């Protein structure tokens, strides 16, 4: 057995910024913003920071799509630089790009969605298709008796995501779809695969997948 070293002094530091609204910013995040010289985050998080005037730091927006990976490699190890992840860094996946950095958790959009739809997380699997095509895993997880919380690609509409689910898993599913959780535009849908095949709604999504009731 080996004692694992805890990262404390490496920059940038990665902080979870919650599911969307600044109401879900942690006290650690707020105190770090006061100390920050540079803050890197998505446009949505930066908008929330500006609303509450939480920092005087330089604000840098994370790019979307394929440009994100290249950009993350350019973030320098400069003191008082903070990278803010939507939700929790180790749930959304952003934390894995900073193996030497200290990481602080945040409230995940999955936690918020689970509270809205009353579907427990502890008998479900969590997978993301934001950085890798993981749709094929859903059928295997359901076969094991697990439900699935899916974090799909943000740029895809509901119908585009559901068509991918259907092509990999089939149609005998019940879906709960949480969009823009914690924001004023928050909305939740529930229905069958067929119900969502033409729904072009979009936003930051969490999709809960379970077998259809028999």
C-alpha atoms as a PDB file:
ATOM      1  CA  UNK A   1       0.000   0.000   0.000  1.00  0.00           C
ATOM      2  CA  UNK A   2       1.255   3.464  -0.939  1.00  0.00           C
ATOM      3  CA  UNK A   3       0.093   6.781   0.479  1.00  0.00           C
ATOM      4  CA  UNK A   4      -1.106   8.974  -2.385  1.00  0.00           C
ATOM      5  CA  UNK A   5       0.270  12.485  -2.525  1.00  0.00           C
ATOM      6  CA  UNK A   6      -2.384  15.194  -2.388  1.00  0.00           C
ATOM      7  CA  UNK A   7      -1.818  18.036  -4.852  1.00  0.00           C
ATOM      8  CA  UNK A   8      -1.779  21.432  -3.126  1.00  0.00           C
ATOM      9  CA  UNK A   9       0.717  23.837  -4.666  1.00  0.00           C
ATOM     10  CA  UNK A  10       0.399  23.350  -8.418  1.00  0.00           C
ATOM     11  CA  UNK A  11      -1.264  25.934 -10.631  1.00  0.00           C
ATOM     12  CA  UNK A  12      -3.732  26.414 -12.190  1.00  0.00           C
ATOM     13  CA  UNK A  13      -6.245  25.252  -9.610  1.00  0.00           C
ATOM     14  CA  UNK A  14      -9.476  23.709 -10.854  1.00  0.00           C
ATOM     15  CA  UNK A  15     -12.740  24.525  -9.096  1.00  0.00           C
ATOM     16  CA  UNK A  16     -16.278  23.267  -9.584  1.00  0.00           C
ATOM     17  CA  UNK A  17     -18.682  26.125 -10.322  1.00  0.00           C
ATOM     18  CA  UNK A  18     -21.977  24.299  -9.899  1.00  0.00           C
ATOM     19  CA  UNK A  19     -24.785  23.550 -12.347  1.00  0.00           C
ATOM     20  CA  UNK A  20     -25.251  27.080 -13.667  1.00  0.00           C
ATOM     21  CA  UNK A  21     -26.542  29.691 -11.254  1.00  0.00           C
ATOM     22  CA  UNK A  22     -24.196  31.599  -8.938  1.00  0.00           C
ATOM     23  CA  UNK A  23     -26.521  30.496  -6.116  1.00  0.00           C
ATOM     24  CA  UNK A  24     -24.629  27.203  -6.272  1.00  0.00           C
ATOM     25  CA  UNK A  25     -21.125  28.695  -6.030  1.00  0.00           C
ATOM     26  CA  UNK A  26     -19.298  27.209  -3.039  1.00  0.00           C
ATOM     27  CA  UNK A  27     -17.647  29.356  -0.369  1.00  0.00           C
ATOM     28  CA  UNK A  28     -14.264  28.014  -1.532  1.00  0.00           C
ATOM     29  CA  UNK A  29     -15.000  29.207  -5.062  1.00  0.00           C
ATOM     30  CA  UNK A  30     -16.094  32.664  -3.912  1.00  0.00           C
ATOM     31  CA  UNK A  31     -13.016  33.160  -1.727  1.00  0.00           C
ATOM     32  CA  UNK A  32     -10.756  31.951  -4.556  1.00  0.00           C
ATOM     33  CA  UNK A  33     -12.315  34.444  -6.968  1.00  0.00           C
ATOM     34  CA  UNK A  34     -11.395  37.290  -4.620  1.00  0.00           C
ATOM     35  CA  UNK A  35      -7.761  36.126  -4.698  1.00  0.00           C
ATOM     36  CA  UNK A  36      -7.589  35.347  -8.423  1.00  0.00           C
ATOM     37  CA  UNK A  37      -5.524  37.120 -11.072  1.00  0.00           C
ATOM     38  CA  UNK A  38      -6.859  35.022 -13.951  1.00  0.00           C
ATOM     39  CA  UNK A  39     -10.120  33.070 -14.215  1.00  0.00           C
ATOM     40  CA  UNK A  40     -10.779  30.678 -17.098  1.00  0.00           C
ATOM     41  CA  UNK A  41     -14.351  29.440 -17.528  1.00  0.00           C
ATOM     42  CA  UNK A  42     -17.231  28.919 -19.938  1.00  0.00           C
ATOM     43  CA  UNK A  43     -19.233  31.930 -21.075  1.00  0.00           C
ATOM     44  CA  UNK A  44     -22.149  30.888 -18.877  1.00  0.00           C
ATOM     45  CA  UNK A  45     -20.037  30.779 -15.719  1.00  0.00           C
ATOM     46  CA  UNK A  46     -18.349  34.080 -16.576  1.00  0.00           C
ATOM     47  CA  UNK A  47     -21.759  35.722 -16.974  1.00  0.00           C
ATOM     48  CA  UNK A  48     -22.736  34.566 -13.492  1.00  0.00           C
ATOM     49  CA  UNK A  49     -19.458  35.879 -12.053  1.00  0.00           C
ATOM     50  CA  UNK A  50     -20.051  39.280 -13.638  1.00  0.00           C
ATOM     51  CA  UNK A  51     -23.604  39.430 -12.261  1.00  0.00           C
ATOM     52  CA  UNK A  52     -22.362  39.269  -8.684  1.00  0.00           C
ATOM     53  CA  UNK A  53     -19.107  41.211  -9.266  1.00  0.00           C
ATOM     54  CA  UNK A  54     -17.208  38.355  -7.651  1.00  0.00           C
ATOM     55  CA  UNK A  55     -13.702  39.209  -8.897  1.00  0.00           C
ATOM     56  CA  UNK A  56     -11.431  41.831 -10.448  1.00  0.00           C
ATOM     57  CA  UNK A  57      -9.387  39.139 -12.193  1.00  0.00           C
ATOM     58  CA  UNK A  58      -8.837  38.823 -15.926  1.00  0.00           C
ATOM     59  CA  UNK A  59     -11.667  36.675 -17.306  1.00  0.00           C
ATOM     60  CA  UNK A  60     -10.885  34.276 -20.160  1.00  0.00           C
ATOM     61  CA  UNK A  61     -13.606  32.328 -21.941  1.00  0.00           C
ATOM     62  CA  UNK A  62     -13.139  28.645 -22.674  1.00  0.00           C
ATOM     63  CA  UNK A  63     -13.672  27.869 -26.367  1.00  0.00           C
ATOM     64  CA  UNK A  64     -16.235  25.314 -27.481  1.00  0.00           C
ATOM     65  CA  UNK A  65     -15.911  22.162 -29.542  1.00  0.00           C
ATOM     66  CA  UNK A  66     -12.605  20.791 -30.762  1.00  0.00           C
ATOM     67  CA  UNK A  67     -10.724  23.996 -29.940  1.00  0.00           C
ATOM     68  CA  UNK A  68     -11.160  23.286 -26.229  1.00  0.00           C
ATOM     69  CA  UNK A  69      -8.485  20.578 -26.014  1.00  0.00           C
ATOM     70  CA  UNK A  70      -5.796  22.671 -27.678  1.00  0.00           C
ATOM     71  CA  UNK A  71      -6.688  25.671 -25.538  1.00  0.00           C
ATOM     72  CA  UNK A  72      -6.430  23.720 -22.267  1.00  0.00           C
ATOM     73  CA  UNK A  73      -2.817  22.893 -23.106  1.00  0.00           C
ATOM     74  CA  UNK A  74      -2.001  26.603 -23.365  1.00  0.00           C
ATOM     75  CA  UNK A  75      -3.093  27.471 -19.817  1.00  0.00           C
ATOM     76  CA  UNK A  76       0.099  28.326 -18.000  1.00  0.00           C
ATOM     77  CA  UNK A  77       1.082  27.248 -14.502  1.00  0.00           C
ATOM     78  CA  UNK A  78       0.811  30.779 -13.195  1.00  0.00           C
ATOM     79  CA  UNK A  79      -0.018  31.484  -9.573  1.00  0.00           C
ATOM     80  CA  UNK A  80      -3.551  32.677  -8.793  1.00  0.00           C
ATOM     81  CA  UNK A  81      -4.903  31.196 -12.020  1.00  0.00           C
ATOM     82  CA  UNK A  82      -8.181  29.337 -11.607  1.00  0.00           C
ATOM     83  CA  UNK A  83      -9.964  27.137 -14.131  1.00  0.00           C
ATOM     84  CA  UNK A  84     -13.667  26.831 -13.361  1.00  0.00           C
ATOM     85  CA  UNK A  85     -15.519  23.737 -14.450  1.00  0.00           C
ATOM     86  CA  UNK A  86     -19.254  23.564 -14.967  1.00  0.00           C
ATOM     87  CA  UNK A  87     -20.690  21.373 -12.213  1.00  0.00           C
ATOM     88  CA  UNK A  88     -17.998  19.209 -10.642  1.00  0.00           C
ATOM     89  CA  UNK A  89     -14.600  18.887 -12.394  1.00  0.00           C
ATOM     90  CA  UNK A  90     -14.418  15.135 -11.887  1.00  0.00           C
ATOM     91  CA  UNK A  91     -17.967  14.549 -13.107  1.00  0.00           C
ATOM     92  CA  UNK A  92     -17.971  16.851 -16.125  1.00  0.00           C
ATOM     93  CA  UNK A  93     -14.534  15.559 -17.079  1.00  0.00           C
ATOM     94  CA  UNK A  94     -12.568  18.833 -17.134  1.00  0.00           C
ATOM     95  CA  UNK A  95     -10.507  17.860 -14.104  1.00  0.00           C
ATOM     96  CA  UNK A  96      -8.768  15.012 -15.918  1.00  0.00           C
ATOM     97  CA  UNK A  97      -6.912  17.510 -18.098  1.00  0.00           C
ATOM     98  CA  UNK A  98      -5.060  18.865 -15.039  1.00  0.00           C
ATOM     99  CA  UNK A  99      -3.447  15.848 -13.314  1.00  0.00           C
ATOM    100  CA  UNK A 100      -0.970  18.001 -11.356  1.00  0.00           C
ATOM    101  CA  UNK A 101      -3.482  20.585 -10.129  1.00  0.00           C
ATOM    102  CA  UNK A 102      -5.428  20.878  -6.915  1.00  0.00           C
ATOM    103  CA  UNK A 103      -9.110  20.232  -7.630  1.00  0.00           C
ATOM    104  CA  UNK A 104     -12.060  21.390  -5.556  1.00  0.00           C
ATOM    105  CA  UNK A 105     -15.508  19.843  -6.133  1.00  0.00           C
ATOM    106  CA  UNK A 106     -18.720  21.609  -7.027  1.00  0.00           C
ATOM    107  CA  UNK A 107     -22.387  20.696  -7.212  1.00  0.00           C
ATOM    108  CA  UNK A 108     -22.928  18.718 -10.395  1.00  0.00           C
ATOM    109  CA  UNK A 109     -25.813  19.244 -12.799  1.00  0.00           C
ATOM    110  CA  UNK A 110     -26.407  15.516 -12.322  1.00  0.00           C
ATOM    111  CA  UNK A 111     -27.065  16.077  -8.618  1.00  0.00           C
ATOM    112  CA  UNK A 112     -29.482  18.887  -9.414  1.00  0.00           C
ATOM    113  CA  UNK A 113     -31.239  16.830 -12.096  1.00  0.00           C
ATOM    114  CA  UNK A 114     -31.535  13.846  -9.738  1.00  0.00           C
ATOM    115  CA  UNK A 115     -33.223  16.089  -7.185  1.00  0.00           C
ATOM    116  CA  UNK A 116     -35.659  17.395  -9.790  1.00  0.00           C
ATOM    117  CA  UNK A 117     -36.702  13.979 -11.119  1.00  0.00           C
ATOM    118  CA  UNK A 118     -36.352  12.029  -7.833  1.00  0.00           C
ATOM    119  CA  UNK A 119     -34.110   9.363  -9.349  1.00  0.00           C
ATOM    120  CA  UNK A 120     -31.304   8.293  -6.975  1.00  0.00           C
ATOM    121  CA  UNK A 121     -27.724   8.373  -8.181  1.00  0.00           C
ATOM    122  CA  UNK A 122     -26.492   5.493  -6.030  1.00  0.00           C
ATOM    123  CA  UNK A 123     -28.094   2.812  -8.220  1.00  0.00           C
ATOM    124  CA  UNK A 124     -27.173   4.506 -11.500  1.00  0.00           C
ATOM    125  CA  UNK A 125     -24.079   4.865 -13.650  1.00  0.00           C
ATOM    126  CA  UNK A 126     -22.771   8.232 -14.838  1.00  0.00           C
ATOM    127  CA  UNK A 127     -21.234   8.510 -18.292  1.00  0.00           C
ATOM    128  CA  UNK A 128     -20.254  11.416 -20.506  1.00  0.00           C
ATOM    129  CA  UNK A 129     -20.139  11.668 -24.275  1.00  0.00           C
ATOM    130  CA  UNK A 130     -18.666  15.185 -24.183  1.00  0.00           C
ATOM    131  CA  UNK A 131     -15.118  13.990 -24.776  1.00  0.00           C
ATOM    132  CA  UNK A 132     -15.678  10.443 -26.045  1.00  0.00           C
ATOM    133  CA  UNK A 133     -18.448   8.491 -27.768  1.00  0.00           C
ATOM    134  CA  UNK A 134     -19.810   6.399 -24.893  1.00  0.00           C
ATOM    135  CA  UNK A 135     -23.326   5.718 -26.170  1.00  0.00           C
ATOM    136  CA  UNK A 136     -22.523   2.051 -26.712  1.00  0.00           C
ATOM    137  CA  UNK A 137     -21.990   1.586 -22.972  1.00  0.00           C
ATOM    138  CA  UNK A 138     -25.596   2.423 -22.083  1.00  0.00           C
ATOM    139  CA  UNK A 139     -27.038  -0.946 -23.146  1.00  0.00           C
ATOM    140  CA  UNK A 140     -24.374  -2.834 -21.166  1.00  0.00           C
ATOM    141  CA  UNK A 141     -25.086  -0.809 -18.040  1.00  0.00           C
ATOM    142  CA  UNK A 142     -28.844  -1.327 -18.306  1.00  0.00           C
ATOM    143  CA  UNK A 143     -28.225  -5.065 -18.768  1.00  0.00           C
ATOM    144  CA  UNK A 144     -26.385  -4.975 -15.435  1.00  0.00           C
ATOM    145  CA  UNK A 145     -29.485  -3.516 -13.779  1.00  0.00           C
ATOM    146  CA  UNK A 146     -28.245   0.066 -13.653  1.00  0.00           C
ATOM    147  CA  UNK A 147     -29.967   3.199 -14.850  1.00  0.00           C
ATOM    148  CA  UNK A 148     -27.788   5.804 -16.561  1.00  0.00           C
ATOM    149  CA  UNK A 149     -27.176   9.519 -16.157  1.00  0.00           C
ATOM    150  CA  UNK A 150     -25.767  10.758 -19.461  1.00  0.00           C
ATOM    151  CA  UNK A 151     -23.909  14.031 -20.020  1.00  0.00           C
ATOM    152  CA  UNK A 152     -24.231  14.454 -23.804  1.00  0.00           C
ATOM    153  CA  UNK A 153     -22.446  16.795 -26.183  1.00  0.00           C
ATOM    154  CA  UNK A 154     -23.646  20.365 -25.417  1.00  0.00           C
ATOM    155  CA  UNK A 155     -23.842  21.357 -29.080  1.00  0.00           C
ATOM    156  CA  UNK A 156     -26.357  18.629 -29.971  1.00  0.00           C
ATOM    157  CA  UNK A 157     -30.110  19.131 -29.748  1.00  0.00           C
ATOM    158  CA  UNK A 158     -32.313  16.795 -27.731  1.00  0.00           C
ATOM    159  CA  UNK A 159     -33.457  14.996 -30.882  1.00  0.00           C
ATOM    160  CA  UNK A 160     -29.872  14.462 -32.064  1.00  0.00           C
ATOM    161  CA  UNK A 161     -28.853  12.966 -28.724  1.00  0.00           C
ATOM    162  CA  UNK A 162     -31.944  10.769 -28.472  1.00  0.00           C
ATOM    163  CA  UNK A 163     -31.363   9.402 -31.984  1.00  0.00           C
ATOM    164  CA  UNK A 164     -27.857   8.375 -30.908  1.00  0.00           C
ATOM    165  CA  UNK A 165     -29.272   6.677 -27.821  1.00  0.00           C
ATOM    166  CA  UNK A 166     -31.890   4.856 -29.904  1.00  0.00           C
ATOM    167  CA  UNK A 167     -29.358   3.654 -32.484  1.00  0.00           C
ATOM    168  CA  UNK A 168     -27.162   2.174 -29.755  1.00  0.00           C
ATOM    169  CA  UNK A 169     -29.709   0.973 -27.206  1.00  0.00           C
ATOM    170  CA  UNK A 170     -33.099   0.735 -28.919  1.00  0.00           C
ATOM    171  CA  UNK A 171     -36.482   2.277 -28.228  1.00  0.00           C
ATOM    172  CA  UNK A 172     -37.679   0.475 -25.086  1.00  0.00           C
ATOM    173  CA  UNK A 173     -36.517   3.258 -22.803  1.00  0.00           C
ATOM    174  CA  UNK A 174     -37.959   5.973 -20.609  1.00  0.00           C
ATOM    175  CA  UNK A 175     -36.055   9.256 -20.606  1.00  0.00           C
ATOM    176  CA  UNK A 176     -35.943  12.188 -18.212  1.00  0.00           C
ATOM    177  CA  UNK A 177     -34.244  15.213 -19.760  1.00  0.00           C
ATOM    178  CA  UNK A 178     -33.052  18.115 -17.596  1.00  0.00           C
ATOM    179  CA  UNK A 179     -31.931  21.271 -19.413  1.00  0.00           C
ATOM    180  CA  UNK A 180     -30.274  24.413 -17.997  1.00  0.00           C
ATOM    181  CA  UNK A 181     -30.745  23.236 -14.423  1.00  0.00           C
ATOM    182  CA  UNK A 182     -30.687  25.977 -11.752  1.00  0.00           C
ATOM    183  CA  UNK A 183     -31.160  28.750 -14.344  1.00  0.00           C
ATOM    184  CA  UNK A 184     -34.304  30.753 -15.101  1.00  0.00           C
ATOM    185  CA  UNK A 185     -34.629  28.713 -18.316  1.00  0.00           C
ATOM    186  CA  UNK A 186     -34.603  25.381 -16.437  1.00  0.00           C
ATOM    187  CA  UNK A 187     -36.927  22.763 -17.910  1.00  0.00           C
ATOM    188  CA  UNK A 188     -37.526  19.038 -17.464  1.00  0.00           C
ATOM    189  CA  UNK A 189     -39.091  16.594 -19.909  1.00  0.00           C
ATOM    190  CA  UNK A 190     -40.110  12.975 -19.408  1.00  0.00           C
ATOM    191  CA  UNK A 191     -41.270  10.488 -22.011  1.00  0.00           C
ATOM    192  CA  UNK A 192     -40.382   7.697 -24.408  1.00  0.00           C
ATOM    193  CA  UNK A 193     -37.678   7.737 -27.067  1.00  0.00           C
ATOM    194  CA  UNK A 194     -40.334   8.374 -29.723  1.00  0.00           C
ATOM    195  CA  UNK A 195     -41.542  11.468 -27.848  1.00  0.00           C
ATOM    196  CA  UNK A 196     -38.191  13.189 -28.319  1.00  0.00           C
ATOM    197  CA  UNK A 197     -37.167  12.181 -31.834  1.00  0.00           C
ATOM    198  CA  UNK A 198     -38.146  15.597 -33.225  1.00  0.00           C
ATOM    199  CA  UNK A 199     -37.518  17.839 -30.217  1.00  0.00           C
ATOM    200  CA  UNK A 200     -34.986  20.467 -31.292  1.00  0.00           C
ATOM    201  CA  UNK A 201     -34.643  22.025 -27.850  1.00  0.00           C
ATOM    202  CA  UNK A 202     -31.097  22.623 -26.668  1.00  0.00           C
ATOM    203  CA  UNK A 203     -29.098  23.771 -23.666  1.00  0.00           C
ATOM    204  CA  UNK A 204     -26.777  22.134 -21.154  1.00  0.00           C
ATOM    205  CA  UNK A 205     -28.385  18.724 -20.771  1.00  0.00           C
ATOM    206  CA  UNK A 206     -28.504  15.783 -18.392  1.00  0.00           C
ATOM    207  CA  UNK A 207     -30.418  12.743 -19.626  1.00  0.00           C
ATOM    208  CA  UNK A 208     -31.562   9.980 -17.293  1.00  0.00           C
ATOM    209  CA  UNK A 209     -32.074   6.667 -19.102  1.00  0.00           C
ATOM    210  CA  UNK A 210     -34.046   3.750 -17.682  1.00  0.00           C
ATOM    211  CA  UNK A 211     -35.901   0.775 -19.188  1.00  0.00           C
ATOM    212  CA  UNK A 212     -39.518   1.407 -20.138  1.00  0.00           C
ATOM    213  CA  UNK A 213     -42.024   0.184 -17.543  1.00  0.00           C
ATOM    214  CA  UNK A 214     -43.254  -3.238 -18.613  1.00  0.00           C
END
